[in-house]
Amino acid sequence: MAEAAPARRALDAAAGDAVSAPRERSVRVGGEALRVLELGEGAPLGVLPTFGGLARPTPFLERLAARRRVVLPSLPGFAGGGTGFRRLDDLADWVTATLDLLEASGLDGADLLGHGVGGMLAAEVAAFSRPTVRRLVLVAPLGLFDEREPVADVFARRASEIPALFSTKPAEYAASLACPKGEDEVEWQIGQVRAMEAAARLLWPTGDRGLAKRLHRISAKTLLLWGGEDRIVPASYAKRFADGLASEAEVRSIPGAGHRVDFDAPEEAAQAVLRFLAP
């Protein structure tokens, strides 16, 4: 659908808006404190990131925060997410924990963006609890599996293969995974391993937990956003998701970007999200 010129100009102007420093707080879920980062002001937009989570704000989040109050709660085991993930034994545990986390973060009934692993959980939440999600953005979500065109087995890859698997800018992406200045290198590496362990508890071996049988329950208007060069979740999966949804769905592919489309093309990805969410 063509966008009206005034709305387009407003979104483009937002790119230059100053974004306030991120704010950090914690919420308690399952008796454990989980970190919540916030950027920007306005209507809340929850973000559930892909493998590992996000340890700090990114250009993609800052671009979103020029128009929205971006709320980034830490999934159990992911960056800032503690060790409570070891008590999550099945899909029901993960969905319940995510619902509790969204509610504690003030995101019940808000717009929600989920990427990869976070996209799978966002879709499950939208299917199990329709009122929880107003509008839904799924960025290369996991949760479906076709053996003829399988999702990549991230857990079977060497560490040296990860940057090229996730991004079309592997050298830059590898640098982004380095321990931040001022952080303890050993603790940082432990956190990275813990995050992969958490994702494996949910996804291993194929990531198929029956989401295809629940997609018809998603009533939220949905944007499916993919990097055209995604090497983890093939771009063809966008049609599989769209065909399963009962809700209105928009599909957008960004050429030249990989699974971390938010890293490879932050401006294009943020503009696609903001235009979809624009009133």
C-alpha atoms as a PDB file:
ATOM      1  CA  MET A   1       0.000   0.000   0.000  1.00  0.00           C
ATOM      2  CA  ALA A   2       1.424   3.409  -0.975  1.00  0.00           C
ATOM      3  CA  GLU A   3       2.202   5.688   1.950  1.00  0.00           C
ATOM      4  CA  ALA A   4       0.929   9.251   2.050  1.00  0.00           C
ATOM      5  CA  ALA A   5       3.648  11.861   1.544  1.00  0.00           C
ATOM      6  CA  PRO A   6       3.094  13.652   4.897  1.00  0.00           C
ATOM      7  CA  ALA A   7       3.450  10.394   6.825  1.00  0.00           C
ATOM      8  CA  ARG A   8       6.606   9.487   4.899  1.00  0.00           C
ATOM      9  CA  ARG A   9       8.132  12.911   5.607  1.00  0.00           C
ATOM     10  CA  ALA A  10       7.312  12.560   9.290  1.00  0.00           C
ATOM     11  CA  LEU A  11       9.040   9.191   9.475  1.00  0.00           C
ATOM     12  CA  ASP A  12      12.086  10.436   7.604  1.00  0.00           C
ATOM     13  CA  ALA A  13      12.335  13.473   9.863  1.00  0.00           C
ATOM     14  CA  ALA A  14      12.275  11.211  12.888  1.00  0.00           C
ATOM     15  CA  ALA A  15      15.591   9.709  11.827  1.00  0.00           C
ATOM     16  CA  GLY A  16      17.320  12.879  12.953  1.00  0.00           C
ATOM     17  CA  ASP A  17      15.506  13.182  16.266  1.00  0.00           C
ATOM     18  CA  ALA A  18      17.679  12.998  19.339  1.00  0.00           C
ATOM     19  CA  VAL A  19      17.122   9.898  21.462  1.00  0.00           C
ATOM     20  CA  SER A  20      17.573  10.136  25.205  1.00  0.00           C
ATOM     21  CA  ALA A  21      20.028   7.866  26.985  1.00  0.00           C
ATOM     22  CA  PRO A  22      18.740   4.344  27.645  1.00  0.00           C
ATOM     23  CA  ARG A  23      17.044   3.722  30.965  1.00  0.00           C
ATOM     24  CA  GLU A  24      17.497   0.475  32.853  1.00  0.00           C
ATOM     25  CA  ARG A  25      15.238  -1.172  35.408  1.00  0.00           C
ATOM     26  CA  SER A  26      14.500  -4.685  36.560  1.00  0.00           C
ATOM     27  CA  VAL A  27      11.336  -6.740  36.924  1.00  0.00           C
ATOM     28  CA  ARG A  28      10.772  -9.970  38.811  1.00  0.00           C
ATOM     29  CA  VAL A  29       9.592 -13.028  36.911  1.00  0.00           C
ATOM     30  CA  GLY A  30       9.541 -16.422  38.557  1.00  0.00           C
ATOM     31  CA  GLY A  31      11.332 -15.013  41.567  1.00  0.00           C
ATOM     32  CA  GLU A  32      14.280 -13.731  39.510  1.00  0.00           C
ATOM     33  CA  ALA A  33      15.203 -10.188  38.539  1.00  0.00           C
ATOM     34  CA  LEU A  34      15.343  -9.622  34.762  1.00  0.00           C
ATOM     35  CA  ARG A  35      16.707  -6.475  33.138  1.00  0.00           C
ATOM     36  CA  VAL A  36      14.521  -4.148  31.076  1.00  0.00           C
ATOM     37  CA  LEU A  37      16.057  -1.452  28.847  1.00  0.00           C
ATOM     38  CA  GLU A  38      14.022   1.507  27.578  1.00  0.00           C
ATOM     39  CA  LEU A  39      14.767   4.122  24.934  1.00  0.00           C
ATOM     40  CA  GLY A  40      12.695   6.990  23.626  1.00  0.00           C
ATOM     41  CA  GLU A  41       9.266   8.266  24.523  1.00  0.00           C
ATOM     42  CA  GLY A  42       5.701   7.690  23.400  1.00  0.00           C
ATOM     43  CA  ALA A  43       3.604   4.601  22.821  1.00  0.00           C
ATOM     44  CA  PRO A  44       5.430   1.439  23.955  1.00  0.00           C
ATOM     45  CA  LEU A  45       6.892  -1.024  21.493  1.00  0.00           C
ATOM     46  CA  GLY A  46       8.135  -4.255  23.050  1.00  0.00           C
ATOM     47  CA  VAL A  47      11.141  -5.951  21.452  1.00  0.00           C
ATOM     48  CA  LEU A  48      12.129  -9.604  21.946  1.00  0.00           C
ATOM     49  CA  PRO A  49      15.493 -10.116  20.190  1.00  0.00           C
ATOM     50  CA  THR A  50      17.002 -13.145  18.505  1.00  0.00           C
ATOM     51  CA  PHE A  51      19.757 -15.494  19.733  1.00  0.00           C
ATOM     52  CA  GLY A  52      21.556 -14.192  22.818  1.00  0.00           C
ATOM     53  CA  GLY A  53      19.561 -11.018  23.234  1.00  0.00           C
ATOM     54  CA  LEU A  54      21.025  -7.518  23.116  1.00  0.00           C
ATOM     55  CA  ALA A  55      23.444  -6.333  25.768  1.00  0.00           C
ATOM     56  CA  ARG A  56      23.130  -2.681  24.785  1.00  0.00           C
ATOM     57  CA  PRO A  57      21.125  -0.402  22.476  1.00  0.00           C
ATOM     58  CA  THR A  58      21.780  -0.701  18.748  1.00  0.00           C
ATOM     59  CA  PRO A  59      21.341   1.740  15.842  1.00  0.00           C
ATOM     60  CA  PHE A  60      18.166  -0.163  14.898  1.00  0.00           C
ATOM     61  CA  LEU A  61      16.653   0.317  18.364  1.00  0.00           C
ATOM     62  CA  GLU A  62      17.728   3.960  18.450  1.00  0.00           C
ATOM     63  CA  ARG A  63      16.018   4.537  15.101  1.00  0.00           C
ATOM     64  CA  LEU A  64      12.808   2.989  16.458  1.00  0.00           C
ATOM     65  CA  ALA A  65      13.141   5.078  19.629  1.00  0.00           C
ATOM     66  CA  ALA A  66      12.968   8.275  17.588  1.00  0.00           C
ATOM     67  CA  ARG A  67       9.241   7.583  17.285  1.00  0.00           C
ATOM     68  CA  ARG A  68       8.349   5.082  20.020  1.00  0.00           C
ATOM     69  CA  ARG A  69       9.208   4.144  23.589  1.00  0.00           C
ATOM     70  CA  VAL A  70      11.186   0.985  22.880  1.00  0.00           C
ATOM     71  CA  VAL A  71      11.013  -1.514  25.738  1.00  0.00           C
ATOM     72  CA  LEU A  72      13.551  -4.344  25.621  1.00  0.00           C
ATOM     73  CA  PRO A  73      12.881  -6.959  28.317  1.00  0.00           C
ATOM     74  CA  SER A  74      15.516  -9.677  28.717  1.00  0.00           C
ATOM     75  CA  LEU A  75      14.285 -13.182  27.974  1.00  0.00           C
ATOM     76  CA  PRO A  76      15.379 -15.776  30.563  1.00  0.00           C
ATOM     77  CA  GLY A  77      19.008 -16.722  29.961  1.00  0.00           C
ATOM     78  CA  PHE A  78      19.571 -14.044  27.329  1.00  0.00           C
ATOM     79  CA  ALA A  79      21.628 -10.889  27.965  1.00  0.00           C
ATOM     80  CA  GLY A  80      20.423  -9.544  31.307  1.00  0.00           C
ATOM     81  CA  GLY A  81      18.107 -12.531  31.737  1.00  0.00           C
ATOM     82  CA  GLY A  82      19.668 -14.427  34.637  1.00  0.00           C
ATOM     83  CA  THR A  83      19.731 -18.205  34.999  1.00  0.00           C
ATOM     84  CA  GLY A  84      16.064 -18.986  35.612  1.00  0.00           C
ATOM     85  CA  PHE A  85      15.775 -20.463  32.100  1.00  0.00           C
ATOM     86  CA  ARG A  86      16.976 -23.777  33.531  1.00  0.00           C
ATOM     87  CA  ARG A  87      13.545 -24.129  35.166  1.00  0.00           C
ATOM     88  CA  LEU A  88      11.795 -23.776  31.794  1.00  0.00           C
ATOM     89  CA  ASP A  89      11.321 -27.346  30.599  1.00  0.00           C
ATOM     90  CA  ASP A  90       8.785 -27.089  27.798  1.00  0.00           C
ATOM     91  CA  LEU A  91       6.989 -24.668  25.501  1.00  0.00           C
ATOM     92  CA  ALA A  92       4.266 -23.926  28.057  1.00  0.00           C
ATOM     93  CA  ASP A  93       6.945 -22.832  30.527  1.00  0.00           C
ATOM     94  CA  TRP A  94       8.540 -20.492  27.978  1.00  0.00           C
ATOM     95  CA  VAL A  95       5.239 -18.966  26.858  1.00  0.00           C
ATOM     96  CA  THR A  96       4.129 -18.445  30.452  1.00  0.00           C
ATOM     97  CA  ALA A  97       7.460 -16.828  31.344  1.00  0.00           C
ATOM     98  CA  THR A  98       7.217 -14.546  28.306  1.00  0.00           C
ATOM     99  CA  LEU A  99       3.650 -13.527  29.179  1.00  0.00           C
ATOM    100  CA  ASP A 100       4.755 -12.777  32.746  1.00  0.00           C
ATOM    101  CA  LEU A 101       7.737 -10.800  31.462  1.00  0.00           C
ATOM    102  CA  LEU A 102       5.625  -8.696  29.079  1.00  0.00           C
ATOM    103  CA  GLU A 103       3.082  -7.967  31.804  1.00  0.00           C
ATOM    104  CA  ALA A 104       5.764  -7.036  34.356  1.00  0.00           C
ATOM    105  CA  SER A 105       7.429  -4.763  31.765  1.00  0.00           C
ATOM    106  CA  GLY A 106       4.187  -2.857  31.099  1.00  0.00           C
ATOM    107  CA  LEU A 107       3.733  -4.338  27.624  1.00  0.00           C
ATOM    108  CA  ASP A 108       0.421  -6.146  28.043  1.00  0.00           C
ATOM    109  CA  GLY A 109      -1.714  -5.039  25.079  1.00  0.00           C
ATOM    110  CA  ALA A 110       1.138  -3.159  23.367  1.00  0.00           C
ATOM    111  CA  ASP A 111       2.703  -3.528  19.933  1.00  0.00           C
ATOM    112  CA  LEU A 112       5.321  -6.290  19.926  1.00  0.00           C
ATOM    113  CA  LEU A 113       8.351  -7.001  17.734  1.00  0.00           C
ATOM    114  CA  GLY A 114      10.039 -10.402  17.915  1.00  0.00           C
ATOM    115  CA  HIS A 115      13.167 -11.446  16.024  1.00  0.00           C
ATOM    116  CA  GLY A 116      14.299 -15.030  15.443  1.00  0.00           C
ATOM    117  CA  VAL A 117      13.930 -16.820  18.787  1.00  0.00           C
ATOM    118  CA  GLY A 118      12.081 -13.792  20.118  1.00  0.00           C
ATOM    119  CA  GLY A 119       9.874 -13.902  17.024  1.00  0.00           C
ATOM    120  CA  MET A 120       8.863 -17.473  17.788  1.00  0.00           C
ATOM    121  CA  LEU A 121       7.910 -16.503  21.352  1.00  0.00           C
ATOM    122  CA  ALA A 122       6.110 -13.361  20.168  1.00  0.00           C
ATOM    123  CA  ALA A 123       4.056 -15.457  17.737  1.00  0.00           C
ATOM    124  CA  GLU A 124       3.255 -18.024  20.428  1.00  0.00           C
ATOM    125  CA  VAL A 125       2.154 -15.270  22.817  1.00  0.00           C
ATOM    126  CA  ALA A 126      -0.048 -13.716  20.127  1.00  0.00           C
ATOM    127  CA  ALA A 127      -1.608 -17.124  19.433  1.00  0.00           C
ATOM    128  CA  PHE A 128      -2.182 -18.148  23.046  1.00  0.00           C
ATOM    129  CA  SER A 129      -3.209 -14.738  24.401  1.00  0.00           C
ATOM    130  CA  ARG A 130      -4.717 -12.552  21.698  1.00  0.00           C
ATOM    131  CA  PRO A 131      -5.308  -9.457  23.897  1.00  0.00           C
ATOM    132  CA  THR A 132      -1.618  -9.351  24.848  1.00  0.00           C
ATOM    133  CA  VAL A 133      -0.482  -8.144  21.396  1.00  0.00           C
ATOM    134  CA  ARG A 134      -1.936  -5.116  19.585  1.00  0.00           C
ATOM    135  CA  ARG A 135       0.147  -5.244  16.403  1.00  0.00           C
ATOM    136  CA  LEU A 136       2.849  -7.793  15.686  1.00  0.00           C
ATOM    137  CA  VAL A 137       6.176  -7.537  13.868  1.00  0.00           C
ATOM    138  CA  LEU A 138       7.934 -10.845  13.208  1.00  0.00           C
ATOM    139  CA  VAL A 139      11.515 -10.517  11.972  1.00  0.00           C
ATOM    140  CA  ALA A 140      12.719 -13.827  10.502  1.00  0.00           C
ATOM    141  CA  PRO A 141      10.933 -15.774  13.254  1.00  0.00           C
ATOM    142  CA  LEU A 142      11.786 -19.339  14.136  1.00  0.00           C
ATOM    143  CA  GLY A 143       9.124 -21.904  14.971  1.00  0.00           C
ATOM    144  CA  LEU A 144       8.417 -23.574  11.622  1.00  0.00           C
ATOM    145  CA  PHE A 145      10.463 -26.327   9.971  1.00  0.00           C
ATOM    146  CA  ASP A 146      10.424 -27.909   6.524  1.00  0.00           C
ATOM    147  CA  GLU A 147      12.976 -30.696   6.012  1.00  0.00           C
ATOM    148  CA  ARG A 148      13.058 -29.899   2.279  1.00  0.00           C
ATOM    149  CA  GLU A 149      14.382 -26.433   3.132  1.00  0.00           C
ATOM    150  CA  PRO A 150      15.543 -26.708   6.746  1.00  0.00           C
ATOM    151  CA  VAL A 151      16.287 -23.962   9.192  1.00  0.00           C
ATOM    152  CA  ALA A 152      20.012 -23.842   9.966  1.00  0.00           C
ATOM    153  CA  ASP A 153      21.242 -25.741  13.009  1.00  0.00           C
ATOM    154  CA  VAL A 154      22.986 -22.890  14.793  1.00  0.00           C
ATOM    155  CA  PHE A 155      24.047 -25.143  17.660  1.00  0.00           C
ATOM    156  CA  ALA A 156      26.115 -27.389  15.381  1.00  0.00           C
ATOM    157  CA  ARG A 157      28.248 -24.550  14.006  1.00  0.00           C
ATOM    158  CA  ARG A 158      31.745 -23.575  15.089  1.00  0.00           C
ATOM    159  CA  ALA A 159      32.156 -20.170  16.688  1.00  0.00           C
ATOM    160  CA  SER A 160      34.147 -19.046  13.639  1.00  0.00           C
ATOM    161  CA  GLU A 161      31.123 -19.753  11.402  1.00  0.00           C
ATOM    162  CA  ILE A 162      28.629 -17.704  13.407  1.00  0.00           C
ATOM    163  CA  PRO A 163      29.346 -14.195  12.014  1.00  0.00           C
ATOM    164  CA  ALA A 164      28.824 -15.222   8.371  1.00  0.00           C
ATOM    165  CA  LEU A 165      25.786 -17.292   9.336  1.00  0.00           C
ATOM    166  CA  PHE A 166      24.063 -14.359  11.016  1.00  0.00           C
ATOM    167  CA  SER A 167      25.179 -11.363   8.966  1.00  0.00           C
ATOM    168  CA  THR A 168      26.196 -10.304   5.482  1.00  0.00           C
ATOM    169  CA  LYS A 169      28.831  -8.125   7.205  1.00  0.00           C
ATOM    170  CA  PRO A 170      30.662 -10.892   9.071  1.00  0.00           C
ATOM    171  CA  ALA A 171      33.761  -8.926  10.063  1.00  0.00           C
ATOM    172  CA  GLU A 172      31.710  -6.063  11.504  1.00  0.00           C
ATOM    173  CA  TYR A 173      29.319  -8.465  13.175  1.00  0.00           C
ATOM    174  CA  ALA A 174      32.171 -10.419  14.756  1.00  0.00           C
ATOM    175  CA  ALA A 175      33.504  -7.159  16.192  1.00  0.00           C
ATOM    176  CA  SER A 176      30.080  -6.393  17.665  1.00  0.00           C
ATOM    177  CA  LEU A 177      30.187  -9.678  19.592  1.00  0.00           C
ATOM    178  CA  ALA A 178      33.397  -8.739  21.403  1.00  0.00           C
ATOM    179  CA  CYS A 179      33.343  -8.016  25.113  1.00  0.00           C
ATOM    180  CA  PRO A 180      32.470  -4.330  25.687  1.00  0.00           C
ATOM    181  CA  LYS A 181      35.049  -2.100  27.322  1.00  0.00           C
ATOM    182  CA  GLY A 182      34.793  -2.208  31.090  1.00  0.00           C
ATOM    183  CA  GLU A 183      33.186  -5.656  31.162  1.00  0.00           C
ATOM    184  CA  ASP A 184      34.838  -8.770  32.551  1.00  0.00           C
ATOM    185  CA  GLU A 185      35.941 -10.939  29.606  1.00  0.00           C
ATOM    186  CA  VAL A 186      35.343 -14.235  31.414  1.00  0.00           C
ATOM    187  CA  GLU A 187      31.878 -13.234  32.613  1.00  0.00           C
ATOM    188  CA  TRP A 188      31.035 -11.979  29.138  1.00  0.00           C
ATOM    189  CA  GLN A 189      31.950 -15.333  27.568  1.00  0.00           C
ATOM    190  CA  ILE A 190      29.987 -17.208  30.233  1.00  0.00           C
ATOM    191  CA  GLY A 191      26.978 -15.048  29.398  1.00  0.00           C
ATOM    192  CA  GLN A 192      27.325 -15.878  25.698  1.00  0.00           C
ATOM    193  CA  VAL A 193      27.397 -19.618  26.399  1.00  0.00           C
ATOM    194  CA  ARG A 194      24.465 -19.287  28.802  1.00  0.00           C
ATOM    195  CA  ALA A 195      22.396 -17.510  26.147  1.00  0.00           C
ATOM    196  CA  MET A 196      23.002 -20.283  23.621  1.00  0.00           C
ATOM    197  CA  GLU A 197      22.078 -22.863  26.258  1.00  0.00           C
ATOM    198  CA  ALA A 198      18.818 -21.032  26.919  1.00  0.00           C
ATOM    199  CA  ALA A 199      17.951 -20.929  23.215  1.00  0.00           C
ATOM    200  CA  ALA A 200      18.815 -24.609  22.841  1.00  0.00           C
ATOM    201  CA  ARG A 201      16.402 -25.561  25.647  1.00  0.00           C
ATOM    202  CA  LEU A 202      13.613 -23.988  23.619  1.00  0.00           C
ATOM    203  CA  LEU A 203      14.659 -24.796  20.045  1.00  0.00           C
ATOM    204  CA  TRP A 204      16.722 -27.975  19.882  1.00  0.00           C
ATOM    205  CA  PRO A 205      16.709 -29.925  17.617  1.00  0.00           C
ATOM    206  CA  THR A 206      14.582 -28.240  14.920  1.00  0.00           C
ATOM    207  CA  GLY A 207      12.719 -25.408  16.654  1.00  0.00           C
ATOM    208  CA  ASP A 208       9.390 -26.923  15.630  1.00  0.00           C
ATOM    209  CA  ARG A 209       7.136 -26.863  18.706  1.00  0.00           C
ATOM    210  CA  GLY A 210       3.871 -26.967  16.778  1.00  0.00           C
ATOM    211  CA  LEU A 211       3.525 -23.260  16.021  1.00  0.00           C
ATOM    212  CA  ALA A 212       2.141 -24.022  12.539  1.00  0.00           C
ATOM    213  CA  LYS A 213      -0.989 -25.468  14.189  1.00  0.00           C
ATOM    214  CA  ARG A 214      -1.548 -22.224  16.129  1.00  0.00           C
ATOM    215  CA  LEU A 215      -0.804 -19.517  13.569  1.00  0.00           C
ATOM    216  CA  HIS A 216      -4.511 -19.295  12.703  1.00  0.00           C
ATOM    217  CA  ARG A 217      -5.147 -17.958  16.200  1.00  0.00           C
ATOM    218  CA  ILE A 218      -3.049 -14.830  15.655  1.00  0.00           C
ATOM    219  CA  SER A 219      -5.518 -11.995  15.169  1.00  0.00           C
ATOM    220  CA  ALA A 220      -3.057  -9.083  15.430  1.00  0.00           C
ATOM    221  CA  LYS A 221      -2.202  -7.276  12.223  1.00  0.00           C
ATOM    222  CA  THR A 222       1.268  -8.609  11.343  1.00  0.00           C
ATOM    223  CA  LEU A 223       4.399  -7.497   9.503  1.00  0.00           C
ATOM    224  CA  LEU A 224       6.764 -10.278   8.379  1.00  0.00           C
ATOM    225  CA  LEU A 225      10.211  -8.771   7.858  1.00  0.00           C
ATOM    226  CA  TRP A 226      13.126 -10.729   6.420  1.00  0.00           C
ATOM    227  CA  GLY A 227      16.645 -10.228   5.201  1.00  0.00           C
ATOM    228  CA  GLY A 228      16.823 -11.444   1.634  1.00  0.00           C
ATOM    229  CA  GLU A 229      20.095 -13.288   2.375  1.00  0.00           C
ATOM    230  CA  ASP A 230      19.028 -14.898   5.667  1.00  0.00           C
ATOM    231  CA  ARG A 231      21.113 -18.068   6.155  1.00  0.00           C
ATOM    232  CA  ILE A 232      19.290 -19.206   9.290  1.00  0.00           C
ATOM    233  CA  VAL A 233      15.602 -18.946   8.441  1.00  0.00           C
ATOM    234  CA  PRO A 234      15.175 -19.067   4.648  1.00  0.00           C
ATOM    235  CA  ALA A 235      13.329 -16.077   3.237  1.00  0.00           C
ATOM    236  CA  SER A 236      10.758 -18.466   1.736  1.00  0.00           C
ATOM    237  CA  TYR A 237       9.468 -19.075   5.266  1.00  0.00           C
ATOM    238  CA  ALA A 238       7.816 -15.647   5.139  1.00  0.00           C
ATOM    239  CA  LYS A 239       5.148 -17.117   2.839  1.00  0.00           C
ATOM    240  CA  ARG A 240       4.709 -20.120   5.132  1.00  0.00           C
ATOM    241  CA  PHE A 241       4.002 -17.787   8.040  1.00  0.00           C
ATOM    242  CA  ALA A 242       1.745 -15.509   5.994  1.00  0.00           C
ATOM    243  CA  ASP A 243      -0.292 -18.440   4.674  1.00  0.00           C
ATOM    244  CA  GLY A 244      -0.866 -19.739   8.194  1.00  0.00           C
ATOM    245  CA  LEU A 245      -2.014 -16.475   9.716  1.00  0.00           C
ATOM    246  CA  ALA A 246      -5.680 -15.626   9.948  1.00  0.00           C
ATOM    247  CA  SER A 247      -4.819 -11.964  10.448  1.00  0.00           C
ATOM    248  CA  GLU A 248      -3.889  -9.373   7.864  1.00  0.00           C
ATOM    249  CA  ALA A 249      -0.202  -9.815   7.018  1.00  0.00           C
ATOM    250  CA  GLU A 250       2.341  -7.664   5.189  1.00  0.00           C
ATOM    251  CA  VAL A 251       5.587  -9.209   3.930  1.00  0.00           C
ATOM    252  CA  ARG A 252       8.714  -7.128   3.470  1.00  0.00           C
ATOM    253  CA  SER A 253      12.145  -8.357   2.360  1.00  0.00           C
ATOM    254  CA  ILE A 254      15.325  -6.266   2.574  1.00  0.00           C
ATOM    255  CA  PRO A 255      17.817  -7.252  -0.138  1.00  0.00           C
ATOM    256  CA  GLY A 256      21.396  -7.887   0.902  1.00  0.00           C
ATOM    257  CA  ALA A 257      20.640  -8.381   4.601  1.00  0.00           C
ATOM    258  CA  GLY A 258      21.043 -11.566   6.612  1.00  0.00           C
ATOM    259  CA  HIS A 259      19.297 -12.957   9.678  1.00  0.00           C
ATOM    260  CA  ARG A 260      20.502  -9.970  11.689  1.00  0.00           C
ATOM    261  CA  VAL A 261      18.705  -7.650   9.321  1.00  0.00           C
ATOM    262  CA  ASP A 262      18.608  -5.140  12.174  1.00  0.00           C
ATOM    263  CA  PHE A 263      22.429  -5.103  12.123  1.00  0.00           C
ATOM    264  CA  ASP A 264      22.952  -5.320   8.366  1.00  0.00           C
ATOM    265  CA  ALA A 265      20.352  -2.714   7.395  1.00  0.00           C
ATOM    266  CA  PRO A 266      19.233  -0.814  10.524  1.00  0.00           C
ATOM    267  CA  GLU A 267      17.783   2.173   8.689  1.00  0.00           C
ATOM    268  CA  GLU A 268      15.775   0.162   6.175  1.00  0.00           C
ATOM    269  CA  ALA A 269      14.553  -2.279   8.817  1.00  0.00           C
ATOM    270  CA  ALA A 270      13.510   0.470  11.227  1.00  0.00           C
ATOM    271  CA  GLN A 271      11.715   2.414   8.509  1.00  0.00           C
ATOM    272  CA  ALA A 272       9.765  -0.708   7.495  1.00  0.00           C
ATOM    273  CA  VAL A 273       8.707  -1.261  11.123  1.00  0.00           C
ATOM    274  CA  LEU A 274       7.804   2.376  11.787  1.00  0.00           C
ATOM    275  CA  ARG A 275       5.760   2.666   8.622  1.00  0.00           C
ATOM    276  CA  PHE A 276       3.862  -0.486   9.465  1.00  0.00           C
ATOM    277  CA  LEU A 277       3.145   0.755  12.979  1.00  0.00           C
ATOM    278  CA  ALA A 278       2.292   4.328  11.946  1.00  0.00           C
ATOM    279  CA  PRO A 279      -1.301   5.263  12.900  1.00  0.00           C
END
